Amino acid sequence: MTPLGFAAVSRNYFNMPVWIGVDQGFFGDEGIALEVELHEGVDAVTERLADGRVQLAYGITEHVILDSETGGQSEIIGGNVNRLPFSLIAAKGIAGFEDMRGKVVGVSSLEAGSSSLIMRLFAAHGLHYPADYAMAAVGPILARWEKLQSGEIQAGLQGAPLNYIAEDAGYPVLADPRTDFPDFQFTSLHVLAPWVAANRALVVAFLHAFLRAHEWFYQNREQAADIAVRHTGVERRYADRAWDEYVQAEIFPRDADASDAAVQALIDISGLIRALPRRTKTRASDYINRTYLQQARAARG
């Protein structure tokens, strides 16, 4: 068995395809011993991929585009969260966006990720950062939920199934970002270009299992819920609801690929990307290296 390191953020439902691949033995079938590392900060995932401690990662797509445009070696070779599974959840007593004036919104990072979405959502309701509200980098979904409950923040994006848990606990929903942005490449499958080029056969084997995991997810509601409960710790009823939403909205790509439309939506929304003085790549597809996934798909016949 060939060991491979894979980094991802927290116990997010985002990670279901790799958990499925491990638990169902799809990676093992390809001779791969996949070691999945979970980190509470997205920056830790980016750093571990950059310095070679892991070979693959589910990372923030915005980071890869920014890295690519500043001479970095990050590449997107597959999809993950191609549509947004979030609700903007506020503290109890917040009735609408106007009540968020002077309040704090929790985000994963001030540099990329959920902060771009937050600024666009709030601007659409007449509130502008930093004049009208503050943002605090408090970490991923689980950390934001804890800090919302403790009162350290007054709003934050919560992903399925934690958004259902928050609603059931009486926390108000300010917005559903997918209504405004139906396609948005929030996270994707990342590698470093030199490593992936030097390990083509291994990467194609990984992607063969990755494809199987995505197909399996869409075909196995009950077993997928079992895996979600085991890895995330949520109650079964919330795992079922998360599967229903992910399947209905096709949040995970059925073909395991990143989406040109979703990457373009990210580029259009991201203030950090738009602030680049000059982009070397003109199309969303220029940021996605599909050669390995295409080879894996062709090998399946």
Protein backbone atom coordinates (compact mmCIF):
# COMPACT_ATOMS: atom_id res chain seq x y z
CA MET A 1 0.00 0.00 0.00
CA THR A 2 1.25 3.46 -0.89
CA PRO A 3 0.71 6.05 1.87
CA LEU A 4 -0.81 9.40 0.91
CA GLY A 5 -1.52 12.35 3.19
CA PHE A 6 -4.75 14.29 2.78
CA ALA A 7 -5.58 17.47 4.74
CA ALA A 8 -9.05 18.94 5.26
CA VAL A 9 -10.81 21.35 7.58
CA SER A 10 -12.50 20.08 10.74
CA ARG A 11 -15.30 17.49 10.91
CA ASN A 12 -17.21 19.18 8.09
CA TYR A 13 -19.73 17.35 5.94
CA PHE A 14 -17.56 18.69 3.08
CA ASN A 15 -15.25 15.74 3.72
CA MET A 16 -17.78 13.03 2.96
CA PRO A 17 -16.22 11.87 -0.35
CA VAL A 18 -12.84 11.09 1.23
CA TRP A 19 -14.45 9.50 4.29
CA ILE A 20 -16.52 7.33 1.95
CA GLY A 21 -13.44 6.42 -0.07
CA VAL A 22 -11.63 5.29 3.06
CA ASP A 23 -14.54 3.57 4.80
CA GLN A 24 -15.75 1.75 1.69
CA GLY A 25 -12.25 0.64 0.77
CA PHE A 26 -12.13 2.48 -2.57
CA PHE A 27 -8.67 3.92 -1.93
CA GLY A 28 -7.48 0.56 -0.62
CA ASP A 29 -8.65 -1.05 -3.85
CA GLU A 30 -6.20 1.24 -5.64
CA GLY A 31 -3.35 0.31 -3.32
CA ILE A 32 -3.54 3.62 -1.46
CA ALA A 33 -3.41 4.01 2.31
CA LEU A 34 -5.01 7.45 2.65
CA GLU A 35 -4.29 9.23 5.92
CA VAL A 36 -6.88 11.98 6.40
CA GLU A 37 -5.80 14.84 8.66
CA LEU A 38 -8.37 17.28 10.02
CA HIS A 39 -7.37 20.77 11.09
CA GLU A 40 -9.42 23.52 12.70
CA GLY A 41 -7.93 26.28 10.60
CA VAL A 42 -7.91 26.49 6.82
CA ASP A 43 -4.45 28.07 6.90
CA ALA A 44 -3.05 24.89 8.47
CA VAL A 45 -4.38 22.87 5.53
CA THR A 46 -2.82 25.28 3.01
CA GLU A 47 0.52 25.26 4.84
CA ARG A 48 0.73 21.46 5.07
CA LEU A 49 0.11 21.09 1.36
CA ALA A 50 2.62 23.82 0.54
CA ASP A 51 5.44 22.29 2.57
CA GLY A 52 4.80 18.71 1.46
CA ARG A 53 3.56 17.24 4.73
CA VAL A 54 0.46 16.13 2.79
CA GLN A 55 0.08 15.50 -0.93
CA LEU A 56 -3.59 16.38 -1.42
CA ALA A 57 -6.09 18.64 0.31
CA TYR A 58 -9.60 19.99 0.32
CA GLY A 59 -8.83 23.69 0.38
CA ILE A 60 -10.37 27.08 -0.26
CA THR A 61 -10.51 27.56 -4.03
CA GLU A 62 -9.87 31.27 -3.66
CA HIS A 63 -6.47 30.44 -2.14
CA VAL A 64 -5.43 28.43 -5.20
CA ILE A 65 -6.36 31.21 -7.61
CA LEU A 66 -4.50 33.81 -5.56
CA ASP A 67 -1.50 31.49 -5.25
CA SER A 68 -1.51 30.76 -8.98
CA GLU A 69 -1.59 34.46 -9.82
CA THR A 70 1.38 35.18 -7.54
CA GLY A 71 3.65 32.50 -8.95
CA GLY A 72 2.62 29.61 -6.71
CA GLN A 73 2.37 25.93 -7.62
CA SER A 74 -1.12 25.05 -6.36
CA GLU A 75 -3.51 23.36 -8.77
CA ILE A 76 -7.15 22.34 -8.73
CA ILE A 77 -7.61 18.76 -9.99
CA GLY A 78 -11.12 18.04 -8.75
CA GLY A 79 -14.23 19.48 -7.16
CA ASN A 80 -15.67 19.46 -3.66
CA VAL A 81 -18.19 22.09 -2.59
CA ASN A 82 -19.33 23.35 -6.01
CA ARG A 83 -22.49 24.97 -4.63
CA LEU A 84 -22.94 26.67 -1.28
CA PRO A 85 -24.42 24.57 1.56
CA PHE A 86 -24.61 27.50 3.99
CA SER A 87 -27.13 29.59 5.85
CA LEU A 88 -26.16 32.93 7.37
CA ILE A 89 -27.14 32.34 11.00
CA ALA A 90 -27.42 35.19 13.51
CA ALA A 91 -27.56 35.40 17.27
CA LYS A 92 -30.93 35.25 18.98
CA GLY A 93 -32.50 38.70 19.01
CA ILE A 94 -31.10 39.70 15.61
CA ALA A 95 -34.11 40.23 13.36
CA GLY A 96 -32.38 41.33 10.16
CA PHE A 97 -29.25 42.79 8.60
CA GLU A 98 -29.91 46.24 10.05
CA ASP A 99 -29.52 44.76 13.54
CA MET A 100 -25.97 43.73 12.60
CA ARG A 101 -24.65 47.29 12.59
CA GLY A 102 -21.72 47.45 14.96
CA LYS A 103 -21.77 43.70 15.46
CA VAL A 104 -19.17 40.99 14.73
CA VAL A 105 -19.41 38.38 11.98
CA GLY A 106 -17.30 35.25 12.37
CA VAL A 107 -15.41 34.05 9.29
CA SER A 108 -12.90 31.31 8.57
CA SER A 109 -10.23 33.76 7.41
CA LEU A 110 -9.99 37.48 6.70
CA GLU A 111 -7.84 36.74 3.67
CA ALA A 112 -10.17 34.46 1.70
CA GLY A 113 -13.03 32.00 1.96
CA SER A 114 -16.23 33.03 3.71
CA SER A 115 -15.16 36.68 4.17
CA SER A 116 -15.76 37.49 0.47
CA LEU A 117 -19.26 36.04 0.65
CA ILE A 118 -20.05 37.89 3.85
CA MET A 119 -19.03 41.23 2.37
CA ARG A 120 -21.19 40.70 -0.71
CA LEU A 121 -24.22 39.56 1.30
CA PHE A 122 -24.00 42.49 3.70
CA ALA A 123 -23.35 45.02 0.92
CA ALA A 124 -26.56 43.86 -0.79
CA HIS A 125 -28.38 44.97 2.36
CA GLY A 126 -26.60 48.33 2.68
CA LEU A 127 -23.94 47.37 5.22
CA HIS A 128 -20.28 47.76 4.31
CA TYR A 129 -17.11 46.44 5.91
CA PRO A 130 -15.46 47.75 8.04
CA ALA A 131 -17.59 50.87 8.57
CA ASP A 132 -20.81 49.10 9.54
CA TYR A 133 -19.70 45.80 11.09
CA ALA A 134 -16.59 43.89 12.09
CA MET A 135 -15.29 40.51 10.99
CA ALA A 136 -13.28 38.16 13.15
CA ALA A 137 -11.31 35.15 11.93
CA VAL A 138 -12.58 32.53 14.34
CA GLY A 139 -12.13 29.35 12.31
CA PRO A 140 -14.35 26.93 10.42
CA ILE A 141 -17.99 25.96 10.87
CA LEU A 142 -17.72 24.19 14.22
CA ALA A 143 -15.76 27.04 15.77
CA ARG A 144 -18.24 29.61 14.44
CA TRP A 145 -21.14 27.69 15.92
CA GLU A 146 -19.47 27.55 19.34
CA LYS A 147 -18.67 31.27 19.28
CA LEU A 148 -22.17 32.17 18.12
CA GLN A 149 -23.60 30.30 21.10
CA SER A 150 -21.14 31.93 23.50
CA GLY A 151 -21.91 35.42 22.19
CA GLU A 152 -18.39 36.11 20.90
CA ILE A 153 -19.82 36.68 17.41
CA GLN A 154 -23.31 37.75 16.35
CA ALA A 155 -23.48 36.02 12.96
CA GLY A 156 -21.66 33.57 10.72
CA LEU A 157 -22.13 31.14 7.87
CA GLN A 158 -23.19 27.70 9.05
CA GLY A 159 -23.08 24.73 6.72
CA ALA A 160 -25.43 21.77 6.58
CA PRO A 161 -26.14 20.10 8.92
CA LEU A 162 -25.10 22.64 11.60
CA ASN A 163 -27.43 25.23 10.08
CA TYR A 164 -30.39 22.90 10.77
CA ILE A 165 -29.22 22.42 14.36
CA ALA A 166 -28.95 26.19 14.80
CA GLU A 167 -32.42 26.82 13.35
CA ASP A 168 -33.95 24.17 15.57
CA ALA A 169 -32.29 25.83 18.56
CA GLY A 170 -34.00 29.13 17.71
CA TYR A 171 -31.22 31.00 15.92
CA PRO A 172 -32.53 33.16 13.05
CA VAL A 173 -31.51 32.76 9.41
CA LEU A 174 -30.56 36.06 7.78
CA ALA A 175 -29.89 34.73 4.28
CA ASP A 176 -29.40 31.67 2.09
CA PRO A 177 -26.31 32.51 -0.01
CA ARG A 178 -27.14 29.86 -2.62
CA THR A 179 -30.20 31.93 -3.57
CA ASP A 180 -27.95 34.81 -4.62
CA PHE A 181 -25.04 32.70 -5.85
CA PRO A 182 -26.35 29.40 -7.28
CA ASP A 183 -22.86 28.33 -8.38
CA PHE A 184 -19.83 29.02 -6.22
CA GLN A 185 -16.63 26.97 -5.97
CA PHE A 186 -16.03 27.26 -2.25
CA THR A 187 -13.62 24.34 -1.84
CA SER A 188 -11.91 21.99 -4.26
CA LEU A 189 -9.31 19.22 -4.50
CA HIS A 190 -5.81 20.71 -4.45
CA VAL A 191 -2.28 19.51 -5.16
CA LEU A 192 1.09 21.03 -5.96
CA ALA A 193 1.87 20.93 -9.68
CA PRO A 194 5.41 19.46 -9.40
CA TRP A 195 4.28 16.62 -7.15
CA VAL A 196 1.25 15.68 -9.23
CA ALA A 197 3.26 15.74 -12.47
CA ALA A 198 5.86 13.42 -10.94
CA ASN A 199 3.24 11.01 -9.59
CA ARG A 200 0.73 10.73 -12.43
CA ALA A 201 -0.09 7.02 -12.00
CA LEU A 202 -0.67 7.42 -8.28
CA VAL A 203 -2.84 10.51 -8.77
CA VAL A 204 -4.93 8.78 -11.40
CA ALA A 205 -5.42 5.82 -9.04
CA PHE A 206 -6.49 8.23 -6.29
CA LEU A 207 -8.95 9.92 -8.64
CA HIS A 208 -10.37 6.59 -9.73
CA ALA A 209 -11.35 5.97 -6.10
CA PHE A 210 -12.45 9.60 -5.75
CA LEU A 211 -14.86 9.15 -8.66
CA ARG A 212 -16.27 5.98 -7.12
CA ALA A 213 -16.82 7.78 -3.80
CA HIS A 214 -18.86 10.54 -5.45
CA GLU A 215 -21.01 8.07 -7.35
CA TRP A 216 -21.53 5.99 -4.20
CA PHE A 217 -22.60 9.07 -2.21
CA TYR A 218 -25.47 9.77 -4.58
CA GLN A 219 -26.68 6.17 -4.52
CA ASN A 220 -26.56 5.36 -0.79
CA ARG A 221 -28.58 7.64 1.49
CA GLU A 222 -28.72 5.32 4.51
CA GLN A 223 -25.09 4.25 4.45
CA ALA A 224 -23.94 7.81 3.76
CA ALA A 225 -25.79 8.93 6.89
CA ASP A 226 -24.03 6.20 8.86
CA ILE A 227 -20.66 7.56 7.74
CA ALA A 228 -21.67 11.16 8.46
CA VAL A 229 -22.79 10.30 11.99
CA ARG A 230 -19.57 8.40 12.66
CA HIS A 231 -17.23 11.13 11.42
CA THR A 232 -19.08 14.35 12.30
CA GLY A 233 -20.91 13.31 15.46
CA VAL A 234 -24.24 14.83 14.36
CA GLU A 235 -27.57 13.15 15.08
CA ARG A 236 -28.91 10.79 12.43
CA ARG A 237 -31.86 13.06 11.54
CA TYR A 238 -29.47 15.89 10.69
CA ALA A 239 -27.21 13.61 8.67
CA ASP A 240 -30.26 12.54 6.65
CA ARG A 241 -31.27 16.16 6.03
CA ALA A 242 -27.73 17.06 4.95
CA TRP A 243 -27.68 14.20 2.42
CA ASP A 244 -31.05 15.32 1.05
CA GLU A 245 -29.84 18.88 0.54
CA TYR A 246 -26.49 17.90 -0.94
CA VAL A 247 -28.16 15.55 -3.41
CA GLN A 248 -31.04 17.86 -4.36
CA ALA A 249 -28.70 20.82 -4.93
CA GLU A 250 -25.82 18.70 -6.28
CA ILE A 251 -23.42 20.42 -3.90
CA PHE A 252 -20.85 17.69 -4.46
CA PRO A 253 -20.21 17.20 -8.18
CA ARG A 254 -21.51 13.87 -9.44
CA ASP A 255 -18.49 13.66 -11.75
CA ALA A 256 -16.00 14.75 -9.03
CA ASP A 257 -14.93 17.73 -11.16
CA ALA A 258 -14.62 21.39 -10.35
CA SER A 259 -17.07 23.68 -12.16
CA ASP A 260 -16.10 26.43 -14.59
CA ALA A 261 -19.30 28.33 -13.75
CA ALA A 262 -18.67 28.00 -10.02
CA VAL A 263 -15.03 29.14 -10.29
CA GLN A 264 -16.13 32.11 -12.40
CA ALA A 265 -18.72 33.07 -9.77
CA LEU A 266 -15.98 32.97 -7.14
CA ILE A 267 -13.75 35.21 -9.28
CA ASP A 268 -16.61 37.68 -9.78
CA ILE A 269 -17.38 37.82 -6.04
CA SER A 270 -13.90 37.79 -4.52
CA GLY A 271 -12.60 41.23 -3.75
CA LEU A 272 -9.10 39.80 -3.31
CA ILE A 273 -9.06 38.27 -6.79
CA ARG A 274 -10.58 41.35 -8.41
CA ALA A 275 -7.97 43.50 -6.65
CA LEU A 276 -5.12 41.71 -8.41
CA PRO A 277 -3.43 44.27 -10.67
CA ARG A 278 -3.37 41.86 -13.59
CA ARG A 279 -4.52 38.26 -13.99
CA THR A 280 -2.40 35.97 -16.12
CA LYS A 281 -5.28 33.53 -16.62
CA THR A 282 -8.35 34.86 -18.34
CA ARG A 283 -10.83 31.95 -18.04
CA ALA A 284 -12.09 30.07 -15.01
CA SER A 285 -11.09 26.79 -16.67
CA ASP A 286 -7.46 27.95 -16.77
CA TYR A 287 -7.23 27.32 -13.03
CA ILE A 288 -8.39 23.69 -13.28
CA ASN A 289 -6.06 20.90 -14.47
CA ARG A 290 -8.45 18.22 -15.66
CA THR A 291 -5.93 15.91 -17.33
CA TYR A 292 -5.67 13.54 -14.36
CA LEU A 293 -9.41 13.25 -13.76
CA GLN A 294 -10.00 12.71 -17.46
CA GLN A 295 -7.44 9.91 -17.47
CA ALA A 296 -9.04 8.32 -14.41
CA ARG A 297 -12.47 8.53 -16.04
CA ALA A 298 -11.16 7.04 -19.31
CA ALA A 299 -9.56 4.14 -17.45
CA ARG A 300 -12.94 3.18 -16.08
CA GLY A 301 -14.27 2.64 -19.58
